[in-house]
Amino acid sequence: MRTRTRWSKTTAAGVTAALGIGLLTGCSSSTGPGTPDHEITVWSQENLPDRVAATQKIVDGFERKTGIKVHLVGVDEGQMPQLIMSAAASGHLPDVIGAAPLGQTWQMYTSGLLNTDIPRQIVDELGTGTFEKNALDLTTDHGVNLGVPSDAWLQLLVYRKDEFAKAGLSTPDTYGKLLKAAKKLTTRGHDGMSAATDPSDVFTSQSFESLALANDCQMVNARHDVALDSPRCATAFDTYDKLARTYGAPGTQTVDSTRATYFAGRSSMMIWSSFLLDELAGLRKDALPSCKQCGGDRRFLSDHTGIVTALKGAESDRAAQFGEVTSWVTTKTAETAASRAFIEYMMGSGYESWFGMAPEGKIPVRQGTAQDPDKYVAAWRHSKLGVDDRKPLDEVYPSALLDQLAHGVGDIRRWGIQQGEGALVGATNGELPVPKAIGAMTSGQTSPSEAAREAQEEVAALKKSLQ
């Protein structure tokens, strides 16, 4: 998972300007919209070496076309909140930030750090109708565009189709089917489910939220009250406890251990993100499937894995999809014309190269142009997947799955965002009250009802501190 956001009022207050300046070597002070010099600083949270190199190639093309100088800085998402707050305090904000997740975008917005006129102009220029509506809704506050939504990843439930067929089990797309399958497939030395329990990682929160949304368990209700102790949330906590503790591996389960267990063939189901797809197909040497059948066939696991996008809980009327939408945002001191030109380029001429660097986790939310409405989704289907070995996405995975992924963006639901509590979402990603409650529950320290109450109290206190 790429998303490792850490941001809250507490952490922001503790960051010194000296730390920010030290970490921002090479980042020039923004000249602001009033004094354009055709030179901008762009922070990108796609900071893995291969992705920085790929982004730099796109930037080089933009510089040749426009004559605008771009200082590209790869920044780790976990450090971004601290860097932004210290940069704001020292007057060294970048002009543009790329791959900003929803919680982070909303928190920058509520902190008054964003220029929202530029994204509105860009979306209008490119055409509102060329974007996935749900992506725009998630990045808009009562008509105010917080950023320009670029791409998305989805949370997935993956399962062994061959083991399910042998056991006579149906697709695990509801709470009931999940629990039935997990129970039946849990045997000595084999787990029915791999699910995160690490109290110190936002991945645990993402995993739980995907299951909680399936039961329409919301972090806050329509009255903006924290609602994690609701009956639907109580069911979600109880279900997650059974899946992760009763039918999962003992000990703390992390983003890496859950994947390793499933890849080794020691579990029948796993909750992970769509970033898994290149590794699942054996296209990354640093994370190859290691099941006994995988040695002679790298594609064995991907060929025998089924994928569920939207889940439905016991008390919900409809299935729900968890995912992340990342955006291009401009700061309050951004050089207006140059920043706008850059983002328009990244969403136009450079767009296919941008989402093509990791198509499994960068599903385009701008689907095409007015003249060619499916241009970018079609290009995404043909984008090359993998790192050490690269193959076209539609050669590795069937069209039906790609349809699921593309359509899933329109079904993404998120805690707090639709209720206008984006700042709280960002803060919980810093303090991690839900992962802490999950960790205590799945280690046997508390019951599911106690975990729900603890999460309720912690999030309510955090919400009060933000007022």
Protein backbone atom coordinates (compact mmCIF):
# COMPACT_ATOMS: atom_id res chain seq x y z
CA MET A 1 0.00 0.00 0.00
CA ARG A 2 1.28 3.45 -0.82
CA THR A 3 -0.98 5.30 1.58
CA ARG A 4 0.70 5.88 4.93
CA THR A 5 -0.70 9.27 5.98
CA ARG A 6 0.31 10.66 9.37
CA TRP A 7 -1.29 14.01 10.12
CA SER A 8 -3.03 15.51 13.12
CA LYS A 9 -3.07 18.76 15.03
CA THR A 10 -0.76 17.17 17.59
CA THR A 11 1.92 16.14 15.11
CA ALA A 12 1.64 19.40 13.19
CA ALA A 13 2.19 21.40 16.36
CA GLY A 14 5.32 19.45 17.17
CA VAL A 15 7.11 20.04 13.88
CA THR A 16 9.75 22.74 13.87
CA ALA A 17 10.64 25.00 11.00
CA ALA A 18 14.22 23.78 11.27
CA LEU A 19 13.13 20.21 10.53
CA GLY A 20 11.16 21.39 7.53
CA ILE A 21 13.99 23.44 6.07
CA GLY A 22 16.44 20.60 6.60
CA LEU A 23 14.25 18.13 4.74
CA LEU A 24 13.36 20.52 1.96
CA THR A 25 16.78 20.85 0.46
CA GLY A 26 16.43 21.92 -3.14
CA CYS A 27 12.96 23.40 -2.64
CA SER A 28 12.98 27.08 -3.50
CA SER A 29 10.64 29.59 -1.90
CA SER A 30 7.41 30.06 -3.81
CA THR A 31 7.22 33.32 -5.68
CA GLY A 32 3.43 33.34 -5.38
CA PRO A 33 0.83 34.30 -7.94
CA GLY A 34 1.84 37.95 -8.00
CA THR A 35 5.43 37.56 -9.19
CA PRO A 36 5.59 34.84 -11.87
CA ASP A 37 9.02 33.64 -12.94
CA HIS A 38 7.94 30.51 -14.86
CA GLU A 39 9.60 28.27 -12.30
CA ILE A 40 7.67 25.96 -9.98
CA THR A 41 8.38 23.36 -7.31
CA VAL A 42 6.38 20.14 -7.49
CA TRP A 43 6.26 17.60 -4.69
CA SER A 44 5.24 14.12 -5.78
CA GLN A 45 4.23 11.41 -3.36
CA GLU A 46 5.03 8.85 -6.05
CA ASN A 47 8.50 8.77 -4.55
CA LEU A 48 9.76 5.27 -5.38
CA PRO A 49 12.91 5.58 -7.51
CA ASP A 50 11.36 4.09 -10.65
CA ARG A 51 8.30 6.33 -10.35
CA VAL A 52 10.37 9.45 -9.72
CA ALA A 53 12.35 8.61 -12.88
CA ALA A 54 9.13 8.07 -14.84
CA THR A 55 7.69 11.35 -13.56
CA GLN A 56 10.89 13.19 -14.45
CA LYS A 57 10.54 12.05 -18.06
CA ILE A 58 7.06 13.55 -18.18
CA VAL A 59 8.36 16.74 -16.57
CA ASP A 60 11.14 16.95 -19.17
CA GLY A 61 8.53 16.88 -21.91
CA PHE A 62 6.55 19.63 -20.20
CA GLU A 63 9.64 21.82 -19.82
CA ARG A 64 10.53 21.42 -23.50
CA LYS A 65 7.01 22.31 -24.56
CA THR A 66 6.46 25.31 -22.28
CA GLY A 67 9.82 26.63 -21.18
CA ILE A 68 8.63 26.46 -17.57
CA LYS A 69 11.23 25.10 -15.15
CA VAL A 70 10.01 22.40 -12.77
CA HIS A 71 11.83 21.35 -9.60
CA LEU A 72 10.54 17.83 -8.93
CA VAL A 73 10.88 16.55 -5.35
CA GLY A 74 9.86 13.02 -4.38
CA VAL A 75 8.34 13.06 -0.89
CA ASP A 76 7.31 10.11 1.25
CA GLU A 77 3.62 10.24 2.06
CA GLY A 78 4.29 9.48 5.71
CA GLN A 79 6.47 12.60 5.97
CA MET A 80 4.25 14.86 3.87
CA PRO A 81 2.02 16.21 6.66
CA GLN A 82 4.99 17.29 8.74
CA LEU A 83 6.79 18.74 5.75
CA ILE A 84 3.75 20.71 4.63
CA MET A 85 3.16 22.27 8.04
CA SER A 86 6.81 23.21 8.50
CA ALA A 87 7.01 24.52 4.93
CA ALA A 88 3.94 26.66 5.55
CA ALA A 89 5.47 28.03 8.75
CA SER A 90 8.74 28.86 7.02
CA GLY A 91 7.16 30.28 3.84
CA HIS A 92 8.55 27.54 1.60
CA LEU A 93 5.43 25.84 0.30
CA PRO A 94 5.74 24.02 -3.01
CA ASP A 95 3.54 25.21 -5.86
CA VAL A 96 2.00 21.83 -6.68
CA ILE A 97 1.60 18.52 -4.86
CA GLY A 98 0.90 15.31 -6.75
CA ALA A 99 -0.74 12.06 -5.58
CA ALA A 100 -2.36 13.74 -2.57
CA PRO A 101 -4.86 11.33 -0.90
CA LEU A 102 -8.30 12.45 0.22
CA GLY A 103 -7.65 12.89 3.93
CA GLN A 104 -4.50 14.87 3.28
CA THR A 105 -6.19 17.05 0.65
CA TRP A 106 -9.10 17.86 2.92
CA GLN A 107 -6.84 18.68 5.85
CA MET A 108 -4.74 21.06 3.77
CA TYR A 109 -7.96 22.65 2.57
CA THR A 110 -9.40 23.14 6.05
CA SER A 111 -6.02 24.50 7.18
CA GLY A 112 -6.25 27.20 4.50
CA LEU A 113 -3.19 25.98 2.59
CA LEU A 114 -4.74 25.40 -0.84
CA ASN A 115 -5.49 27.55 -3.87
CA THR A 116 -8.88 26.25 -4.98
CA ASP A 117 -9.35 28.61 -7.93
CA ILE A 118 -6.72 26.85 -10.03
CA PRO A 119 -8.30 23.36 -9.84
CA ARG A 120 -11.73 24.82 -10.63
CA GLN A 121 -10.33 26.47 -13.74
CA ILE A 122 -8.55 23.27 -14.79
CA VAL A 123 -11.60 21.05 -14.32
CA ASP A 124 -13.72 23.53 -16.27
CA GLU A 125 -11.15 23.72 -19.05
CA LEU A 126 -10.69 19.97 -19.36
CA GLY A 127 -14.42 19.38 -19.07
CA THR A 128 -16.30 18.32 -15.95
CA GLY A 129 -17.96 15.56 -17.94
CA THR A 130 -14.61 13.93 -18.73
CA PHE A 131 -14.07 13.08 -15.04
CA GLU A 132 -15.61 10.29 -13.01
CA LYS A 133 -18.38 12.07 -11.09
CA ASN A 134 -17.71 10.32 -7.80
CA ALA A 135 -14.05 11.37 -7.88
CA LEU A 136 -15.12 14.99 -8.34
CA ASP A 137 -17.67 14.70 -5.54
CA LEU A 138 -15.06 13.33 -3.11
CA THR A 139 -12.73 16.26 -3.88
CA THR A 140 -15.33 19.02 -3.84
CA ASP A 141 -16.75 20.97 -0.89
CA HIS A 142 -20.07 22.62 -1.75
CA GLY A 143 -18.92 23.54 -5.23
CA VAL A 144 -15.30 24.28 -4.26
CA ASN A 145 -12.74 22.10 -6.08
CA LEU A 146 -10.07 21.16 -3.55
CA GLY A 147 -7.83 19.69 -6.25
CA VAL A 148 -7.87 17.98 -9.62
CA PRO A 149 -8.62 14.28 -9.09
CA SER A 150 -6.17 12.18 -11.06
CA ASP A 151 -6.33 8.48 -10.27
CA ALA A 152 -7.55 5.94 -7.76
CA TRP A 153 -6.84 2.58 -6.18
CA LEU A 154 -9.39 0.17 -4.78
CA GLN A 155 -9.40 -2.05 -1.72
CA LEU A 156 -9.89 -5.68 -2.76
CA LEU A 157 -10.83 -8.96 -1.18
CA VAL A 158 -8.80 -11.64 -2.94
CA TYR A 159 -9.50 -15.33 -2.52
CA ARG A 160 -8.33 -18.71 -3.81
CA LYS A 161 -10.87 -19.72 -6.44
CA ASP A 162 -9.54 -23.28 -6.56
CA GLU A 163 -9.87 -23.78 -2.80
CA PHE A 164 -13.36 -22.27 -2.79
CA ALA A 165 -14.47 -24.52 -5.65
CA LYS A 166 -13.07 -27.61 -3.93
CA ALA A 167 -14.91 -26.73 -0.72
CA GLY A 168 -18.15 -25.89 -2.54
CA LEU A 169 -18.08 -22.26 -1.42
CA SER A 170 -19.54 -19.30 -3.29
CA THR A 171 -17.92 -15.90 -3.98
CA PRO A 172 -17.24 -14.22 -0.59
CA ASP A 173 -19.01 -10.93 -1.26
CA THR A 174 -21.12 -10.72 1.93
CA TYR A 175 -20.41 -10.96 5.66
CA GLY A 176 -22.18 -14.32 5.81
CA LYS A 177 -20.22 -15.84 2.93
CA LEU A 178 -16.95 -14.43 4.28
CA LEU A 179 -17.45 -15.95 7.71
CA LYS A 180 -18.64 -19.28 6.33
CA ALA A 181 -15.63 -19.55 4.02
CA ALA A 182 -13.14 -18.42 6.67
CA LYS A 183 -14.43 -21.00 9.13
CA LYS A 184 -14.45 -23.88 6.64
CA LEU A 185 -11.01 -23.11 5.21
CA THR A 186 -9.25 -22.60 8.54
CA THR A 187 -7.36 -25.79 9.36
CA ARG A 188 -4.20 -26.71 11.23
CA GLY A 189 -1.40 -24.67 9.62
CA HIS A 190 -3.75 -22.85 7.23
CA ASP A 191 -5.69 -19.61 7.80
CA GLY A 192 -9.04 -18.76 6.32
CA MET A 193 -8.21 -15.03 6.21
CA SER A 194 -5.27 -12.63 6.20
CA ALA A 195 -6.28 -9.22 7.54
CA ALA A 196 -4.26 -6.40 9.10
CA THR A 197 -4.15 -5.93 12.87
CA ASP A 198 -1.10 -3.64 13.24
CA PRO A 199 -2.12 -0.83 15.63
CA SER A 200 0.56 1.51 14.27
CA ASP A 201 -0.38 1.45 10.58
CA VAL A 202 -3.13 3.21 8.63
CA PHE A 203 -3.32 0.05 6.48
CA THR A 204 -5.23 -1.54 9.38
CA SER A 205 -7.69 1.34 9.34
CA GLN A 206 -8.15 1.03 5.58
CA SER A 207 -8.74 -2.71 5.87
CA PHE A 208 -11.31 -2.29 8.62
CA GLU A 209 -13.03 0.65 6.95
CA SER A 210 -13.54 -1.42 3.80
CA LEU A 211 -15.34 -4.05 5.87
CA ALA A 212 -17.21 -1.49 8.01
CA LEU A 213 -18.56 0.45 5.02
CA ALA A 214 -20.00 -2.82 3.73
CA ASN A 215 -22.34 -2.76 6.72
CA ASP A 216 -22.97 0.99 6.40
CA CYS A 217 -20.97 1.59 9.57
CA GLN A 218 -20.01 5.28 9.41
CA MET A 219 -17.40 7.17 11.41
CA VAL A 220 -19.79 10.14 11.72
CA ASN A 221 -23.51 10.34 11.11
CA ALA A 222 -25.58 12.95 9.28
CA ARG A 223 -25.59 15.13 12.43
CA HIS A 224 -21.76 15.03 12.41
CA ASP A 225 -21.69 13.02 15.64
CA VAL A 226 -19.08 10.26 15.89
CA ALA A 227 -20.97 7.00 15.41
CA LEU A 228 -18.46 4.17 15.82
CA ASP A 229 -20.51 2.67 18.66
CA SER A 230 -23.60 2.25 16.47
CA PRO A 231 -25.17 -1.23 16.11
CA ARG A 232 -23.91 -1.52 12.53
CA CYS A 233 -20.38 -0.66 13.64
CA ALA A 234 -20.65 -3.15 16.50
CA THR A 235 -21.40 -5.85 13.92
CA ALA A 236 -18.45 -4.70 11.82
CA PHE A 237 -16.03 -4.89 14.77
CA ASP A 238 -17.31 -8.34 15.70
CA THR A 239 -17.01 -9.60 12.12
CA TYR A 240 -13.48 -8.24 11.73
CA ASP A 241 -12.47 -9.85 15.02
CA LYS A 242 -13.68 -13.26 13.86
CA LEU A 243 -11.98 -12.92 10.47
CA ALA A 244 -8.65 -11.56 11.70
CA ARG A 245 -8.28 -13.37 15.04
CA THR A 246 -10.40 -16.50 15.02
CA TYR A 247 -9.68 -17.38 11.37
CA GLY A 248 -6.41 -15.50 10.91
CA ALA A 249 -2.76 -15.94 11.84
CA PRO A 250 -1.72 -15.25 15.44
CA GLY A 251 0.29 -12.16 16.31
CA THR A 252 0.31 -8.71 14.76
CA GLN A 253 -0.48 -8.83 11.06
CA THR A 254 0.99 -6.09 8.88
CA VAL A 255 0.80 -4.91 5.30
CA ASP A 256 3.74 -7.20 4.52
CA SER A 257 2.81 -10.27 6.59
CA THR A 258 -0.73 -10.46 5.20
CA ARG A 259 0.61 -10.49 1.67
CA ALA A 260 3.37 -12.96 2.51
CA THR A 261 0.89 -15.39 4.09
CA TYR A 262 -1.43 -15.34 1.09
CA PHE A 263 1.46 -15.52 -1.38
CA ALA A 264 2.84 -18.56 0.44
CA GLY A 265 -0.51 -20.34 0.08
CA ARG A 266 -1.06 -20.33 3.84
CA SER A 267 -4.35 -18.39 3.72
CA SER A 268 -7.39 -18.55 1.48
CA MET A 269 -8.45 -14.88 1.58
CA MET A 270 -6.83 -11.51 2.06
CA ILE A 271 -7.79 -7.82 2.24
CA TRP A 272 -5.33 -5.69 0.25
CA SER A 273 -5.30 -2.90 -2.33
CA SER A 274 -5.20 -3.08 -6.11
CA PHE A 275 -1.46 -2.28 -5.88
CA LEU A 276 -1.20 -6.02 -5.26
CA LEU A 277 -1.97 -6.97 -8.85
CA ASP A 278 1.52 -6.75 -10.35
CA GLU A 279 3.04 -8.72 -7.46
CA LEU A 280 0.24 -11.28 -7.60
CA ALA A 281 1.12 -11.93 -11.25
CA GLY A 282 4.81 -12.48 -10.43
CA LEU A 283 6.02 -9.25 -12.06
CA ARG A 284 8.04 -7.94 -9.08
CA LYS A 285 11.13 -9.86 -8.01
CA ASP A 286 11.06 -8.36 -4.50
CA ALA A 287 7.57 -9.75 -3.80
CA LEU A 288 7.10 -12.96 -5.73
CA PRO A 289 4.36 -15.49 -4.88
CA SER A 290 5.97 -18.37 -2.98
CA CYS A 291 3.27 -21.04 -2.84
CA LYS A 292 4.38 -24.59 -3.65
CA GLN A 293 2.81 -24.41 -7.12
CA CYS A 294 4.29 -20.95 -7.81
CA GLY A 295 7.89 -22.09 -8.29
CA GLY A 296 7.26 -23.46 -11.76
CA ASP A 297 4.51 -21.02 -12.69
CA ARG A 298 4.69 -17.40 -11.57
CA ARG A 299 1.15 -16.85 -12.82
CA PHE A 300 -0.32 -19.70 -10.79
CA LEU A 301 -1.57 -17.51 -7.97
CA SER A 302 -3.04 -14.78 -10.17
CA ASP A 303 -4.72 -17.42 -12.34
CA HIS A 304 -6.27 -19.06 -9.27
CA THR A 305 -7.25 -15.89 -7.43
CA GLY A 306 -10.74 -14.42 -7.49
CA ILE A 307 -11.30 -10.74 -6.71
CA VAL A 308 -14.19 -9.04 -4.95
CA THR A 309 -14.41 -5.26 -5.07
CA ALA A 310 -17.65 -4.29 -3.29
CA LEU A 311 -18.77 -6.10 -0.11
CA LYS A 312 -22.20 -6.21 1.54
CA GLY A 313 -22.71 -6.42 5.29
CA ALA A 314 -25.39 -8.20 7.28
CA GLU A 315 -27.41 -5.04 8.00
CA SER A 316 -26.76 -2.98 4.87
CA ASP A 317 -29.04 -2.51 1.89
CA ARG A 318 -26.22 -2.34 -0.66
CA ALA A 319 -22.62 -3.29 -1.21
CA ALA A 320 -19.87 -0.71 -0.68
CA GLN A 321 -16.44 -0.13 -2.16
CA PHE A 322 -13.51 1.38 -0.26
CA GLY A 323 -10.75 3.09 -2.20
CA GLU A 324 -8.52 6.14 -2.45
CA VAL A 325 -8.66 9.02 -4.90
CA THR A 326 -5.42 10.98 -5.29
CA SER A 327 -5.27 14.49 -6.69
CA TRP A 328 -3.08 17.29 -7.94
CA VAL A 329 -3.40 20.21 -5.53
CA THR A 330 -2.02 23.74 -5.63
CA THR A 331 -0.93 25.64 -2.55
CA LYS A 332 -1.99 29.14 -1.59
CA THR A 333 1.33 30.60 -2.82
CA ALA A 334 1.43 28.68 -6.11
CA GLU A 335 2.51 30.52 -9.22
CA THR A 336 -0.87 30.53 -10.91
CA ALA A 337 -0.27 30.29 -14.65
CA ALA A 338 2.68 27.91 -14.48
CA SER A 339 0.99 25.60 -11.96
CA ARG A 340 -2.19 25.48 -14.01
CA ALA A 341 -0.24 24.72 -17.19
CA PHE A 342 1.64 21.93 -15.43
CA ILE A 343 -1.43 20.17 -14.06
CA GLU A 344 -3.27 20.49 -17.37
CA TYR A 345 -0.29 18.84 -19.04
CA MET A 346 -0.23 16.04 -16.44
CA MET A 347 -3.95 15.46 -17.02
CA GLY A 348 -3.56 15.66 -20.82
CA SER A 349 -0.37 15.06 -22.79
CA GLY A 350 1.40 13.43 -19.84
CA TYR A 351 -1.58 11.62 -18.36
CA GLU A 352 -1.08 8.20 -19.94
CA SER A 353 2.55 8.11 -18.82
CA TRP A 354 1.53 9.21 -15.31
CA PHE A 355 -1.04 6.48 -14.65
CA GLY A 356 0.94 4.04 -16.80
CA MET A 357 3.81 3.96 -14.30
CA ALA A 358 1.65 1.83 -11.94
CA PRO A 359 -1.71 1.07 -13.59
CA GLU A 360 -2.70 -1.44 -10.91
CA GLY A 361 -2.94 1.40 -8.39
CA LYS A 362 -3.51 4.39 -10.65
CA ILE A 363 -6.90 3.84 -12.26
CA PRO A 364 -7.59 7.03 -14.25
CA VAL A 365 -10.50 9.12 -12.97
CA ARG A 366 -10.41 11.33 -16.05
CA GLN A 367 -11.91 8.82 -18.43
CA GLY A 368 -11.24 10.61 -21.70
CA THR A 369 -11.71 13.85 -23.59
CA ALA A 370 -14.81 15.50 -25.01
CA GLN A 371 -13.79 14.22 -28.44
CA ASP A 372 -12.81 10.73 -27.24
CA PRO A 373 -14.73 9.93 -24.00
CA ASP A 374 -13.02 6.56 -23.37
CA LYS A 375 -9.50 7.55 -24.41
CA TYR A 376 -7.74 7.24 -21.05
CA VAL A 377 -9.61 4.21 -19.72
CA ALA A 378 -8.80 2.39 -22.96
CA ALA A 379 -5.14 3.39 -22.67
CA TRP A 380 -5.10 2.26 -19.03
CA ARG A 381 -6.27 -1.22 -20.03
CA HIS A 382 -3.25 -1.53 -22.33
CA SER A 383 -0.75 0.00 -19.87
CA LYS A 384 2.16 -2.20 -18.91
CA LEU A 385 1.99 -3.80 -15.47
CA GLY A 386 4.98 -4.73 -13.33
CA VAL A 387 8.48 -3.59 -12.39
CA ASP A 388 11.10 -6.20 -13.28
CA ASP A 389 8.91 -7.81 -15.91
CA ARG A 390 6.31 -5.65 -17.63
CA LYS A 391 3.26 -6.91 -19.49
CA PRO A 392 0.07 -5.22 -20.70
CA LEU A 393 -2.58 -5.10 -18.00
CA ASP A 394 -5.20 -6.62 -20.30
CA GLU A 395 -2.84 -9.46 -21.18
CA VAL A 396 -2.39 -10.44 -17.55
CA TYR A 397 -5.94 -9.98 -16.26
CA PRO A 398 -9.33 -10.65 -17.89
CA SER A 399 -11.52 -7.89 -19.25
CA ALA A 400 -14.21 -8.60 -16.65
CA LEU A 401 -11.80 -7.77 -13.81
CA LEU A 402 -10.65 -4.58 -15.51
CA ASP A 403 -14.30 -3.60 -15.85
CA GLN A 404 -14.72 -4.18 -12.11
CA LEU A 405 -11.77 -1.95 -11.32
CA ALA A 406 -12.77 0.84 -13.71
CA HIS A 407 -16.39 0.86 -12.55
CA GLY A 408 -15.40 0.51 -8.90
CA VAL A 409 -14.11 4.08 -8.80
CA GLY A 410 -17.68 5.28 -9.18
CA ASP A 411 -18.71 3.27 -6.11
CA ILE A 412 -15.97 4.43 -3.72
CA ARG A 413 -17.33 5.48 -0.36
CA ARG A 414 -15.28 6.90 2.49
CA TRP A 415 -15.74 7.62 6.16
CA GLY A 416 -16.33 11.29 6.87
CA ILE A 417 -15.71 12.68 3.40
CA GLN A 418 -19.33 12.73 2.28
CA GLN A 419 -20.28 14.29 5.64
CA GLY A 420 -17.74 17.08 5.20
CA GLU A 421 -15.45 15.79 7.95
CA GLY A 422 -12.33 15.49 5.81
CA ALA A 423 -10.17 17.21 8.41
CA LEU A 424 -11.17 14.59 10.97
CA VAL A 425 -10.32 11.85 8.49
CA GLY A 426 -6.85 13.30 8.06
CA ALA A 427 -6.41 13.62 11.82
CA THR A 428 -7.43 10.00 12.48
CA ASN A 429 -4.80 8.90 9.97
CA GLY A 430 -2.29 10.56 12.27
CA GLU A 431 -3.52 9.39 15.66
CA LEU A 432 -4.76 5.95 14.44
CA PRO A 433 -7.51 5.41 17.02
CA VAL A 434 -9.22 2.68 15.00
CA PRO A 435 -6.07 0.59 14.35
CA LYS A 436 -5.24 0.84 18.05
CA ALA A 437 -8.70 -0.48 18.94
CA ILE A 438 -8.41 -3.21 16.30
CA GLY A 439 -4.98 -4.23 17.59
CA ALA A 440 -6.23 -4.50 21.17
CA MET A 441 -9.31 -6.45 20.07
CA THR A 442 -7.57 -8.97 17.85
CA SER A 443 -4.86 -9.61 20.45
CA GLY A 444 -7.55 -10.55 22.95
CA GLN A 445 -7.08 -7.54 25.23
CA THR A 446 -10.58 -6.19 24.62
CA SER A 447 -13.88 -7.45 23.26
CA PRO A 448 -15.36 -6.18 19.97
CA SER A 449 -17.87 -4.03 21.88
CA GLU A 450 -15.10 -2.55 24.02
CA ALA A 451 -13.01 -1.89 20.91
CA ALA A 452 -15.92 -0.04 19.31
CA ARG A 453 -16.38 2.05 22.46
CA GLU A 454 -12.67 2.86 22.68
CA ALA A 455 -12.55 3.91 19.04
CA GLN A 456 -15.69 6.00 19.58
CA GLU A 457 -14.20 7.84 22.54
CA GLU A 458 -10.83 8.47 20.88
CA VAL A 459 -12.31 9.79 17.63
CA ALA A 460 -14.84 11.95 19.52
CA ALA A 461 -12.01 13.48 21.56
CA LEU A 462 -10.00 14.08 18.41
CA LYS A 463 -13.00 15.73 16.74
CA LYS A 464 -13.44 18.03 19.72
CA SER A 465 -9.77 19.03 19.60
CA LEU A 466 -10.18 20.14 15.99
CA GLN A 467 -13.07 22.51 16.74
